[in-house]
Amino acid sequence: LATELFEDDDTLFGLADLGFGCPELGTF
């Protein structure tokens, strides 16, 4: 789930869940 796109037009901020049971806030 993304809420922001940084100036580089590639880095997103939001909630990432890779399916391991520990969703994390951060960049992707």
mmCIF file of all heavy atoms, coordinates in Angstrom:
data_MODEL
# 
_entry.id   MODEL 
# 
loop_
_atom_site.group_PDB 
_atom_site.id 
_atom_site.type_symbol 
_atom_site.label_atom_id 
_atom_site.label_alt_id 
_atom_site.label_comp_id 
_atom_site.label_asym_id 
_atom_site.label_entity_id 
_atom_site.label_seq_id 
_atom_site.pdbx_PDB_ins_code 
_atom_site.Cartn_x 
_atom_site.Cartn_y 
_atom_site.Cartn_z 
_atom_site.occupancy 
_atom_site.B_iso_or_equiv 
_atom_site.pdbx_formal_charge 
_atom_site.auth_seq_id 
_atom_site.auth_comp_id 
_atom_site.auth_asym_id 
_atom_site.auth_atom_id 
_atom_site.pdbx_PDB_model_num 
ATOM 1   N N   . LEU A 1 1  ? 0.875  -1.175  0.000   1.00 0.00 ? 1  LEU A N   1 
ATOM 2   C CA  . LEU A 1 1  ? 0.000  0.000   0.000   1.00 0.00 ? 1  LEU A CA  1 
ATOM 3   C C   . LEU A 1 1  ? 0.910  1.222   0.000   1.00 0.00 ? 1  LEU A C   1 
ATOM 4   O O   . LEU A 1 1  ? 1.748  1.363   0.898   1.00 0.00 ? 1  LEU A O   1 
ATOM 5   C CB  . LEU A 1 1  ? -0.895 0.040   1.235   1.00 0.00 ? 1  LEU A CB  1 
ATOM 6   C CG  . LEU A 1 1  ? -1.865 -1.117  1.431   1.00 0.00 ? 1  LEU A CG  1 
ATOM 7   C CD1 . LEU A 1 1  ? -2.619 -0.962  2.750   1.00 0.00 ? 1  LEU A CD1 1 
ATOM 8   C CD2 . LEU A 1 1  ? -2.839 -1.205  0.267   1.00 0.00 ? 1  LEU A CD2 1 
ATOM 9   N N   . ALA A 1 2  ? 0.761  2.091   -0.973  1.00 0.00 ? 2  ALA A N   1 
ATOM 10  C CA  . ALA A 1 2  ? 1.643  3.258   -1.074  1.00 0.00 ? 2  ALA A CA  1 
ATOM 11  C C   . ALA A 1 2  ? 0.871  4.548   -0.834  1.00 0.00 ? 2  ALA A C   1 
ATOM 12  O O   . ALA A 1 2  ? -0.258 4.708   -1.305  1.00 0.00 ? 2  ALA A O   1 
ATOM 13  C CB  . ALA A 1 2  ? 2.310  3.293   -2.450  1.00 0.00 ? 2  ALA A CB  1 
ATOM 14  N N   . THR A 1 3  ? 1.526  5.452   -0.099  1.00 0.00 ? 3  THR A N   1 
ATOM 15  C CA  . THR A 1 3  ? 0.935  6.767   0.169   1.00 0.00 ? 3  THR A CA  1 
ATOM 16  C C   . THR A 1 3  ? 1.731  7.896   -0.468  1.00 0.00 ? 3  THR A C   1 
ATOM 17  O O   . THR A 1 3  ? 1.188  8.980   -0.667  1.00 0.00 ? 3  THR A O   1 
ATOM 18  C CB  . THR A 1 3  ? 0.850  7.048   1.681   1.00 0.00 ? 3  THR A CB  1 
ATOM 19  O OG1 . THR A 1 3  ? 2.157  6.952   2.246   1.00 0.00 ? 3  THR A OG1 1 
ATOM 20  C CG2 . THR A 1 3  ? -0.102 6.090   2.372   1.00 0.00 ? 3  THR A CG2 1 
ATOM 21  N N   . GLU A 1 4  ? 3.022  7.666   -0.765  1.00 0.00 ? 4  GLU A N   1 
ATOM 22  C CA  . GLU A 1 4  ? 3.875  8.736   -1.274  1.00 0.00 ? 4  GLU A CA  1 
ATOM 23  C C   . GLU A 1 4  ? 4.821  8.222   -2.351  1.00 0.00 ? 4  GLU A C   1 
ATOM 24  O O   . GLU A 1 4  ? 5.223  7.062   -2.321  1.00 0.00 ? 4  GLU A O   1 
ATOM 25  C CB  . GLU A 1 4  ? 4.738  9.316   -0.145  1.00 0.00 ? 4  GLU A CB  1 
ATOM 26  C CG  . GLU A 1 4  ? 3.953  9.936   0.977   1.00 0.00 ? 4  GLU A CG  1 
ATOM 27  C CD  . GLU A 1 4  ? 4.826  10.339  2.147   1.00 0.00 ? 4  GLU A CD  1 
ATOM 28  O OE1 . GLU A 1 4  ? 5.975  10.782  1.917   1.00 0.00 ? 4  GLU A OE1 1 
ATOM 29  O OE2 . GLU A 1 4  ? 4.370  10.198  3.287   1.00 0.00 ? 4  GLU A OE2 1 
ATOM 30  N N   . LEU A 1 5  ? 5.183  9.103   -3.267  1.00 0.00 ? 5  LEU A N   1 
ATOM 31  C CA  . LEU A 1 5  ? 6.209  8.854   -4.273  1.00 0.00 ? 5  LEU A CA  1 
ATOM 32  C C   . LEU A 1 5  ? 7.239  9.959   -4.137  1.00 0.00 ? 5  LEU A C   1 
ATOM 33  O O   . LEU A 1 5  ? 6.908  11.141  -4.262  1.00 0.00 ? 5  LEU A O   1 
ATOM 34  C CB  . LEU A 1 5  ? 5.603  8.841   -5.677  1.00 0.00 ? 5  LEU A CB  1 
ATOM 35  C CG  . LEU A 1 5  ? 6.579  8.669   -6.842  1.00 0.00 ? 5  LEU A CG  1 
ATOM 36  C CD1 . LEU A 1 5  ? 7.264  7.302   -6.795  1.00 0.00 ? 5  LEU A CD1 1 
ATOM 37  C CD2 . LEU A 1 5  ? 5.846  8.847   -8.169  1.00 0.00 ? 5  LEU A CD2 1 
ATOM 38  N N   . PHE A 1 6  ? 8.483  9.582   -3.867  1.00 0.00 ? 6  PHE A N   1 
ATOM 39  C CA  . PHE A 1 6  ? 9.539  10.564  -3.656  1.00 0.00 ? 6  PHE A CA  1 
ATOM 40  C C   . PHE A 1 6  ? 9.947  11.224  -4.976  1.00 0.00 ? 6  PHE A C   1 
ATOM 41  O O   . PHE A 1 6  ? 9.574  10.785  -6.059  1.00 0.00 ? 6  PHE A O   1 
ATOM 42  C CB  . PHE A 1 6  ? 10.747 9.910   -2.998  1.00 0.00 ? 6  PHE A CB  1 
ATOM 43  C CG  . PHE A 1 6  ? 10.504 9.445   -1.572  1.00 0.00 ? 6  PHE A CG  1 
ATOM 44  C CD1 . PHE A 1 6  ? 9.277  9.573   -0.937  1.00 0.00 ? 6  PHE A CD1 1 
ATOM 45  C CD2 . PHE A 1 6  ? 11.520 8.844   -0.867  1.00 0.00 ? 6  PHE A CD2 1 
ATOM 46  C CE1 . PHE A 1 6  ? 9.068  9.134   0.364   1.00 0.00 ? 6  PHE A CE1 1 
ATOM 47  C CE2 . PHE A 1 6  ? 11.331 8.400   0.432   1.00 0.00 ? 6  PHE A CE2 1 
ATOM 48  C CZ  . PHE A 1 6  ? 10.117 8.551   1.043   1.00 0.00 ? 6  PHE A CZ  1 
ATOM 49  N N   . GLU A 1 7  ? 10.763 12.258  -4.861  1.00 0.00 ? 7  GLU A N   1 
ATOM 50  C CA  . GLU A 1 7  ? 11.189 13.052  -6.016  1.00 0.00 ? 7  GLU A CA  1 
ATOM 51  C C   . GLU A 1 7  ? 11.903 12.236  -7.087  1.00 0.00 ? 7  GLU A C   1 
ATOM 52  O O   . GLU A 1 7  ? 11.893 12.617  -8.257  1.00 0.00 ? 7  GLU A O   1 
ATOM 53  C CB  . GLU A 1 7  ? 12.115 14.187  -5.565  1.00 0.00 ? 7  GLU A CB  1 
ATOM 54  C CG  . GLU A 1 7  ? 11.411 15.304  -4.841  1.00 0.00 ? 7  GLU A CG  1 
ATOM 55  C CD  . GLU A 1 7  ? 12.381 16.387  -4.429  1.00 0.00 ? 7  GLU A CD  1 
ATOM 56  O OE1 . GLU A 1 7  ? 13.100 16.183  -3.438  1.00 0.00 ? 7  GLU A OE1 1 
ATOM 57  O OE2 . GLU A 1 7  ? 12.405 17.425  -5.112  1.00 0.00 ? 7  GLU A OE2 1 
ATOM 58  N N   . ASP A 1 8  ? 12.541 11.134  -6.709  1.00 0.00 ? 8  ASP A N   1 
ATOM 59  C CA  . ASP A 1 8  ? 13.270 10.331  -7.695  1.00 0.00 ? 8  ASP A CA  1 
ATOM 60  C C   . ASP A 1 8  ? 12.345 9.576   -8.640  1.00 0.00 ? 8  ASP A C   1 
ATOM 61  O O   . ASP A 1 8  ? 12.796 8.920   -9.570  1.00 0.00 ? 8  ASP A O   1 
ATOM 62  C CB  . ASP A 1 8  ? 14.237 9.361   -7.010  1.00 0.00 ? 8  ASP A CB  1 
ATOM 63  C CG  . ASP A 1 8  ? 13.549 8.299   -6.161  1.00 0.00 ? 8  ASP A CG  1 
ATOM 64  O OD1 . ASP A 1 8  ? 12.302 8.193   -6.173  1.00 0.00 ? 8  ASP A OD1 1 
ATOM 65  O OD2 . ASP A 1 8  ? 14.277 7.560   -5.467  1.00 0.00 ? 8  ASP A OD2 1 
ATOM 66  N N   . ASP A 1 9  ? 11.034 9.662   -8.402  1.00 0.00 ? 9  ASP A N   1 
ATOM 67  C CA  . ASP A 1 9  ? 10.002 9.028   -9.235  1.00 0.00 ? 9  ASP A CA  1 
ATOM 68  C C   . ASP A 1 9  ? 10.088 7.501   -9.222  1.00 0.00 ? 9  ASP A C   1 
ATOM 69  O O   . ASP A 1 9  ? 9.573  6.843   -10.111 1.00 0.00 ? 9  ASP A O   1 
ATOM 70  C CB  . ASP A 1 9  ? 10.068 9.559   -10.663 1.00 0.00 ? 9  ASP A CB  1 
ATOM 71  C CG  . ASP A 1 9  ? 8.719  9.564   -11.342 1.00 0.00 ? 9  ASP A CG  1 
ATOM 72  O OD1 . ASP A 1 9  ? 7.706  9.819   -10.661 1.00 0.00 ? 9  ASP A OD1 1 
ATOM 73  O OD2 . ASP A 1 9  ? 8.665  9.290   -12.556 1.00 0.00 ? 9  ASP A OD2 1 
ATOM 74  N N   . ASP A 1 10 ? 10.760 6.950   -8.192  1.00 0.00 ? 10 ASP A N   1 
ATOM 75  C CA  . ASP A 1 10 ? 10.873 5.498   -8.069  1.00 0.00 ? 10 ASP A CA  1 
ATOM 76  C C   . ASP A 1 10 ? 10.602 5.014   -6.648  1.00 0.00 ? 10 ASP A C   1 
ATOM 77  O O   . ASP A 1 10 ? 10.020 3.962   -6.452  1.00 0.00 ? 10 ASP A O   1 
ATOM 78  C CB  . ASP A 1 10 ? 12.264 5.020   -8.495  1.00 0.00 ? 10 ASP A CB  1 
ATOM 79  C CG  . ASP A 1 10 ? 12.395 3.512   -8.417  1.00 0.00 ? 10 ASP A CG  1 
ATOM 80  O OD1 . ASP A 1 10 ? 11.603 2.810   -9.096  1.00 0.00 ? 10 ASP A OD1 1 
ATOM 81  O OD2 . ASP A 1 10 ? 13.272 3.017   -7.684  1.00 0.00 ? 10 ASP A OD2 1 
ATOM 82  N N   . THR A 1 11 ? 11.004 5.785   -5.652  1.00 0.00 ? 11 THR A N   1 
ATOM 83  C CA  . THR A 1 11 ? 10.876 5.361   -4.265  1.00 0.00 ? 11 THR A CA  1 
ATOM 84  C C   . THR A 1 11 ? 9.485  5.691   -3.740  1.00 0.00 ? 11 THR A C   1 
ATOM 85  O O   . THR A 1 11 ? 9.063  6.848   -3.749  1.00 0.00 ? 11 THR A O   1 
ATOM 86  C CB  . THR A 1 11 ? 11.937 6.036   -3.373  1.00 0.00 ? 11 THR A CB  1 
ATOM 87  O OG1 . THR A 1 11 ? 13.228 5.779   -3.934  1.00 0.00 ? 11 THR A OG1 1 
ATOM 88  C CG2 . THR A 1 11 ? 11.876 5.512   -1.952  1.00 0.00 ? 11 THR A CG2 1 
ATOM 89  N N   . LEU A 1 12 ? 8.796  4.645   -3.292  1.00 0.00 ? 12 LEU A N   1 
ATOM 90  C CA  . LEU A 1 12 ? 7.465  4.781   -2.714  1.00 0.00 ? 12 LEU A CA  1 
ATOM 91  C C   . LEU A 1 12 ? 7.564  4.608   -1.204  1.00 0.00 ? 12 LEU A C   1 
ATOM 92  O O   . LEU A 1 12 ? 8.433  3.876   -0.711  1.00 0.00 ? 12 LEU A O   1 
ATOM 93  C CB  . LEU A 1 12 ? 6.527  3.712   -3.277  1.00 0.00 ? 12 LEU A CB  1 
ATOM 94  C CG  . LEU A 1 12 ? 6.203  3.820   -4.753  1.00 0.00 ? 12 LEU A CG  1 
ATOM 95  C CD1 . LEU A 1 12 ? 5.737  2.473   -5.305  1.00 0.00 ? 12 LEU A CD1 1 
ATOM 96  C CD2 . LEU A 1 12 ? 5.142  4.880   -4.985  1.00 0.00 ? 12 LEU A CD2 1 
ATOM 97  N N   . PHE A 1 13 ? 6.672  5.256   -0.471  1.00 0.00 ? 13 PHE A N   1 
ATOM 98  C CA  . PHE A 1 13 ? 6.553  5.029   0.964   1.00 0.00 ? 13 PHE A CA  1 
ATOM 99  C C   . PHE A 1 13 ? 5.182  4.437   1.226   1.00 0.00 ? 13 PHE A C   1 
ATOM 100 O O   . PHE A 1 13 ? 4.191  4.828   0.607   1.00 0.00 ? 13 PHE A O   1 
ATOM 101 C CB  . PHE A 1 13 ? 6.690  6.326   1.772   1.00 0.00 ? 13 PHE A CB  1 
ATOM 102 C CG  . PHE A 1 13 ? 6.539  6.086   3.245   1.00 0.00 ? 13 PHE A CG  1 
ATOM 103 C CD1 . PHE A 1 13 ? 7.598  5.609   4.000   1.00 0.00 ? 13 PHE A CD1 1 
ATOM 104 C CD2 . PHE A 1 13 ? 5.318  6.279   3.868   1.00 0.00 ? 13 PHE A CD2 1 
ATOM 105 C CE1 . PHE A 1 13 ? 7.442  5.345   5.362   1.00 0.00 ? 13 PHE A CE1 1 
ATOM 106 C CE2 . PHE A 1 13 ? 5.159  6.019   5.225   1.00 0.00 ? 13 PHE A CE2 1 
ATOM 107 C CZ  . PHE A 1 13 ? 6.231  5.553   5.972   1.00 0.00 ? 13 PHE A CZ  1 
ATOM 108 N N   . GLY A 1 14 ? 5.152  3.493   2.156   1.00 0.00 ? 14 GLY A N   1 
ATOM 109 C CA  . GLY A 1 14 ? 3.879  2.904   2.525   1.00 0.00 ? 14 GLY A CA  1 
ATOM 110 C C   . GLY A 1 14 ? 4.065  1.667   3.370   1.00 0.00 ? 14 GLY A C   1 
ATOM 111 O O   . GLY A 1 14 ? 5.048  1.531   4.104   1.00 0.00 ? 14 GLY A O   1 
ATOM 112 N N   . LEU A 1 15 ? 3.130  0.758   3.244   1.00 0.00 ? 15 LEU A N   1 
ATOM 113 C CA  . LEU A 1 15 ? 3.110  -0.482  4.015   1.00 0.00 ? 15 LEU A CA  1 
ATOM 114 C C   . LEU A 1 15 ? 3.414  -1.637  3.070   1.00 0.00 ? 15 LEU A C   1 
ATOM 115 O O   . LEU A 1 15 ? 2.739  -1.797  2.056   1.00 0.00 ? 15 LEU A O   1 
ATOM 116 C CB  . LEU A 1 15 ? 1.737  -0.656  4.670   1.00 0.00 ? 15 LEU A CB  1 
ATOM 117 C CG  . LEU A 1 15 ? 1.542  -1.825  5.623   1.00 0.00 ? 15 LEU A CG  1 
ATOM 118 C CD1 . LEU A 1 15 ? 2.454  -1.705  6.842   1.00 0.00 ? 15 LEU A CD1 1 
ATOM 119 C CD2 . LEU A 1 15 ? 0.079  -1.893  6.065   1.00 0.00 ? 15 LEU A CD2 1 
ATOM 120 N N   . ALA A 1 16 ? 4.439  -2.401  3.403   1.00 0.00 ? 16 ALA A N   1 
ATOM 121 C CA  . ALA A 1 16 ? 4.847  -3.534  2.570   1.00 0.00 ? 16 ALA A CA  1 
ATOM 122 C C   . ALA A 1 16 ? 4.628  -4.830  3.332   1.00 0.00 ? 16 ALA A C   1 
ATOM 123 O O   . ALA A 1 16 ? 4.980  -4.940  4.500   1.00 0.00 ? 16 ALA A O   1 
ATOM 124 C CB  . ALA A 1 16 ? 6.313  -3.402  2.186   1.00 0.00 ? 16 ALA A CB  1 
ATOM 125 N N   . ASP A 1 17 ? 4.047  -5.791  2.647   1.00 0.00 ? 17 ASP A N   1 
ATOM 126 C CA  . ASP A 1 17 ? 3.780  -7.109  3.226   1.00 0.00 ? 17 ASP A CA  1 
ATOM 127 C C   . ASP A 1 17 ? 4.237  -8.158  2.217   1.00 0.00 ? 17 ASP A C   1 
ATOM 128 O O   . ASP A 1 17 ? 3.584  -8.373  1.199   1.00 0.00 ? 17 ASP A O   1 
ATOM 129 C CB  . ASP A 1 17 ? 2.286  -7.247  3.518   1.00 0.00 ? 17 ASP A CB  1 
ATOM 130 C CG  . ASP A 1 17 ? 1.888  -8.614  4.043   1.00 0.00 ? 17 ASP A CG  1 
ATOM 131 O OD1 . ASP A 1 17 ? 2.780  -9.446  4.318   1.00 0.00 ? 17 ASP A OD1 1 
ATOM 132 O OD2 . ASP A 1 17 ? 0.680  -8.851  4.181   1.00 0.00 ? 17 ASP A OD2 1 
ATOM 133 N N   . LEU A 1 18 ? 5.359  -8.796  2.504   1.00 0.00 ? 18 LEU A N   1 
ATOM 134 C CA  . LEU A 1 18 ? 5.898  -9.791  1.590   1.00 0.00 ? 18 LEU A CA  1 
ATOM 135 C C   . LEU A 1 18 ? 5.364  -11.191 1.857   1.00 0.00 ? 18 LEU A C   1 
ATOM 136 O O   . LEU A 1 18 ? 5.781  -12.152 1.229   1.00 0.00 ? 18 LEU A O   1 
ATOM 137 C CB  . LEU A 1 18 ? 7.424  -9.777  1.627   1.00 0.00 ? 18 LEU A CB  1 
ATOM 138 C CG  . LEU A 1 18 ? 8.041  -8.434  1.223   1.00 0.00 ? 18 LEU A CG  1 
ATOM 139 C CD1 . LEU A 1 18 ? 9.563  -8.500  1.271   1.00 0.00 ? 18 LEU A CD1 1 
ATOM 140 C CD2 . LEU A 1 18 ? 7.560  -7.998  -0.145  1.00 0.00 ? 18 LEU A CD2 1 
ATOM 141 N N   . GLY A 1 19 ? 4.431  -11.301 2.802   1.00 0.00 ? 19 GLY A N   1 
ATOM 142 C CA  . GLY A 1 19 ? 3.789  -12.577 3.063   1.00 0.00 ? 19 GLY A CA  1 
ATOM 143 C C   . GLY A 1 19 ? 4.438  -13.410 4.155   1.00 0.00 ? 19 GLY A C   1 
ATOM 144 O O   . GLY A 1 19 ? 4.168  -14.601 4.266   1.00 0.00 ? 19 GLY A O   1 
ATOM 145 N N   . PHE A 1 20 ? 5.286  -12.781 4.977   1.00 0.00 ? 20 PHE A N   1 
ATOM 146 C CA  . PHE A 1 20 ? 5.960  -13.500 6.054   1.00 0.00 ? 20 PHE A CA  1 
ATOM 147 C C   . PHE A 1 20 ? 5.343  -13.230 7.424   1.00 0.00 ? 20 PHE A C   1 
ATOM 148 O O   . PHE A 1 20 ? 5.914  -13.592 8.447   1.00 0.00 ? 20 PHE A O   1 
ATOM 149 C CB  . PHE A 1 20 ? 7.451  -13.149 6.084   1.00 0.00 ? 20 PHE A CB  1 
ATOM 150 C CG  . PHE A 1 20 ? 8.153  -13.441 4.793   1.00 0.00 ? 20 PHE A CG  1 
ATOM 151 C CD1 . PHE A 1 20 ? 8.781  -12.429 4.091   1.00 0.00 ? 20 PHE A CD1 1 
ATOM 152 C CD2 . PHE A 1 20 ? 8.182  -14.725 4.270   1.00 0.00 ? 20 PHE A CD2 1 
ATOM 153 C CE1 . PHE A 1 20 ? 9.423  -12.691 2.895   1.00 0.00 ? 20 PHE A CE1 1 
ATOM 154 C CE2 . PHE A 1 20 ? 8.822  -14.994 3.079   1.00 0.00 ? 20 PHE A CE2 1 
ATOM 155 C CZ  . PHE A 1 20 ? 9.443  -13.974 2.382   1.00 0.00 ? 20 PHE A CZ  1 
ATOM 156 N N   . GLY A 1 21 ? 4.196  -12.554 7.463   1.00 0.00 ? 21 GLY A N   1 
ATOM 157 C CA  . GLY A 1 21 ? 3.507  -12.309 8.721   1.00 0.00 ? 21 GLY A CA  1 
ATOM 158 C C   . GLY A 1 21 ? 3.944  -11.074 9.472   1.00 0.00 ? 21 GLY A C   1 
ATOM 159 O O   . GLY A 1 21 ? 3.581  -10.904 10.631  1.00 0.00 ? 21 GLY A O   1 
ATOM 160 N N   . CYS A 1 22 ? 4.730  -10.206 8.826   1.00 0.00 ? 22 CYS A N   1 
ATOM 161 C CA  . CYS A 1 22 ? 5.188  -8.998  9.526   1.00 0.00 ? 22 CYS A CA  1 
ATOM 162 C C   . CYS A 1 22 ? 5.197  -7.790  8.582   1.00 0.00 ? 22 CYS A C   1 
ATOM 163 O O   . CYS A 1 22 ? 6.251  -7.357  8.139   1.00 0.00 ? 22 CYS A O   1 
ATOM 164 C CB  . CYS A 1 22 ? 6.557  -9.215  10.158  1.00 0.00 ? 22 CYS A CB  1 
ATOM 165 S SG  . CYS A 1 22 ? 7.792  -9.851  9.018   1.00 0.00 ? 22 CYS A SG  1 
ATOM 166 N N   . PRO A 1 23 ? 4.023  -7.256  8.277   1.00 0.00 ? 23 PRO A N   1 
ATOM 167 C CA  . PRO A 1 23 ? 3.959  -6.058  7.432   1.00 0.00 ? 23 PRO A CA  1 
ATOM 168 C C   . PRO A 1 23 ? 4.742  -4.912  8.062   1.00 0.00 ? 23 PRO A C   1 
ATOM 169 O O   . PRO A 1 23 ? 4.734  -4.745  9.288   1.00 0.00 ? 23 PRO A O   1 
ATOM 170 C CB  . PRO A 1 23 ? 2.460  -5.728  7.394   1.00 0.00 ? 23 PRO A CB  1 
ATOM 171 C CG  . PRO A 1 23 ? 1.775  -6.975  7.823   1.00 0.00 ? 23 PRO A CG  1 
ATOM 172 C CD  . PRO A 1 23 ? 2.712  -7.697  8.728   1.00 0.00 ? 23 PRO A CD  1 
ATOM 173 N N   . GLU A 1 24 ? 5.430  -4.131  7.216   1.00 0.00 ? 24 GLU A N   1 
ATOM 174 C CA  . GLU A 1 24 ? 6.277  -3.055  7.726   1.00 0.00 ? 24 GLU A CA  1 
ATOM 175 C C   . GLU A 1 24 ? 6.063  -1.764  6.967   1.00 0.00 ? 24 GLU A C   1 
ATOM 176 O O   . GLU A 1 24 ? 5.893  -1.783  5.747   1.00 0.00 ? 24 GLU A O   1 
ATOM 177 C CB  . GLU A 1 24 ? 7.753  -3.442  7.589   1.00 0.00 ? 24 GLU A CB  1 
ATOM 178 C CG  . GLU A 1 24 ? 8.174  -4.599  8.449   1.00 0.00 ? 24 GLU A CG  1 
ATOM 179 C CD  . GLU A 1 24 ? 9.669  -4.866  8.348   1.00 0.00 ? 24 GLU A CD  1 
ATOM 180 O OE1 . GLU A 1 24 ? 10.395 -4.032  7.774   1.00 0.00 ? 24 GLU A OE1 1 
ATOM 181 O OE2 . GLU A 1 24 ? 10.104 -5.907  8.844   1.00 0.00 ? 24 GLU A OE2 1 
ATOM 182 N N   . LEU A 1 25 ? 6.112  -0.665  7.704   1.00 0.00 ? 25 LEU A N   1 
ATOM 183 C CA  . LEU A 1 25 ? 6.126  0.657   7.090   1.00 0.00 ? 25 LEU A CA  1 
ATOM 184 C C   . LEU A 1 25 ? 7.535  0.937   6.588   1.00 0.00 ? 25 LEU A C   1 
ATOM 185 O O   . LEU A 1 25 ? 8.507  0.604   7.261   1.00 0.00 ? 25 LEU A O   1 
ATOM 186 C CB  . LEU A 1 25 ? 5.742  1.729   8.105   1.00 0.00 ? 25 LEU A CB  1 
ATOM 187 C CG  . LEU A 1 25 ? 4.286  1.762   8.535   1.00 0.00 ? 25 LEU A CG  1 
ATOM 188 C CD1 . LEU A 1 25 ? 4.107  2.711   9.709   1.00 0.00 ? 25 LEU A CD1 1 
ATOM 189 C CD2 . LEU A 1 25 ? 3.394  2.166   7.379   1.00 0.00 ? 25 LEU A CD2 1 
ATOM 190 N N   . GLY A 1 26 ? 7.633  1.538   5.409   1.00 0.00 ? 26 GLY A N   1 
ATOM 191 C CA  . GLY A 1 26 ? 8.947  1.877   4.889   1.00 0.00 ? 26 GLY A CA  1 
ATOM 192 C C   . GLY A 1 26 ? 8.893  2.218   3.421   1.00 0.00 ? 26 GLY A C   1 
ATOM 193 O O   . GLY A 1 26 ? 7.822  2.461   2.858   1.00 0.00 ? 26 GLY A O   1 
ATOM 194 N N   . THR A 1 27 ? 10.061 2.235   2.812   1.00 0.00 ? 27 THR A N   1 
ATOM 195 C CA  . THR A 1 27 ? 10.165 2.571   1.397   1.00 0.00 ? 27 THR A CA  1 
ATOM 196 C C   . THR A 1 27 ? 10.359 1.314   0.569   1.00 0.00 ? 27 THR A C   1 
ATOM 197 O O   . THR A 1 27 ? 10.890 0.308   1.050   1.00 0.00 ? 27 THR A O   1 
ATOM 198 C CB  . THR A 1 27 ? 11.328 3.543   1.144   1.00 0.00 ? 27 THR A CB  1 
ATOM 199 O OG1 . THR A 1 27 ? 12.543 2.948   1.586   1.00 0.00 ? 27 THR A OG1 1 
ATOM 200 C CG2 . THR A 1 27 ? 11.103 4.867   1.851   1.00 0.00 ? 27 THR A CG2 1 
ATOM 201 N N   . PHE A 1 28 ? 9.923  1.393   -0.678  1.00 0.00 ? 28 PHE A N   1 
ATOM 202 C CA  . PHE A 1 28 ? 10.122 0.310   -1.632  1.00 0.00 ? 28 PHE A CA  1 
ATOM 203 C C   . PHE A 1 28 ? 10.206 0.912   -3.022  1.00 0.00 ? 28 PHE A C   1 
ATOM 204 O O   . PHE A 1 28 ? 9.776  2.046   -3.251  1.00 0.00 ? 28 PHE A O   1 
ATOM 205 C CB  . PHE A 1 28 ? 9.050  -0.774  -1.523  1.00 0.00 ? 28 PHE A CB  1 
ATOM 206 C CG  . PHE A 1 28 ? 7.649  -0.285  -1.320  1.00 0.00 ? 28 PHE A CG  1 
ATOM 207 C CD1 . PHE A 1 28 ? 6.793  -0.095  -2.392  1.00 0.00 ? 28 PHE A CD1 1 
ATOM 208 C CD2 . PHE A 1 28 ? 7.160  -0.027  -0.040  1.00 0.00 ? 28 PHE A CD2 1 
ATOM 209 C CE1 . PHE A 1 28 ? 5.494  0.344   -2.203  1.00 0.00 ? 28 PHE A CE1 1 
ATOM 210 C CE2 . PHE A 1 28 ? 5.861  0.417   0.159   1.00 0.00 ? 28 PHE A CE2 1 
ATOM 211 C CZ  . PHE A 1 28 ? 5.026  0.600   -0.925  1.00 0.00 ? 28 PHE A CZ  1 
# 
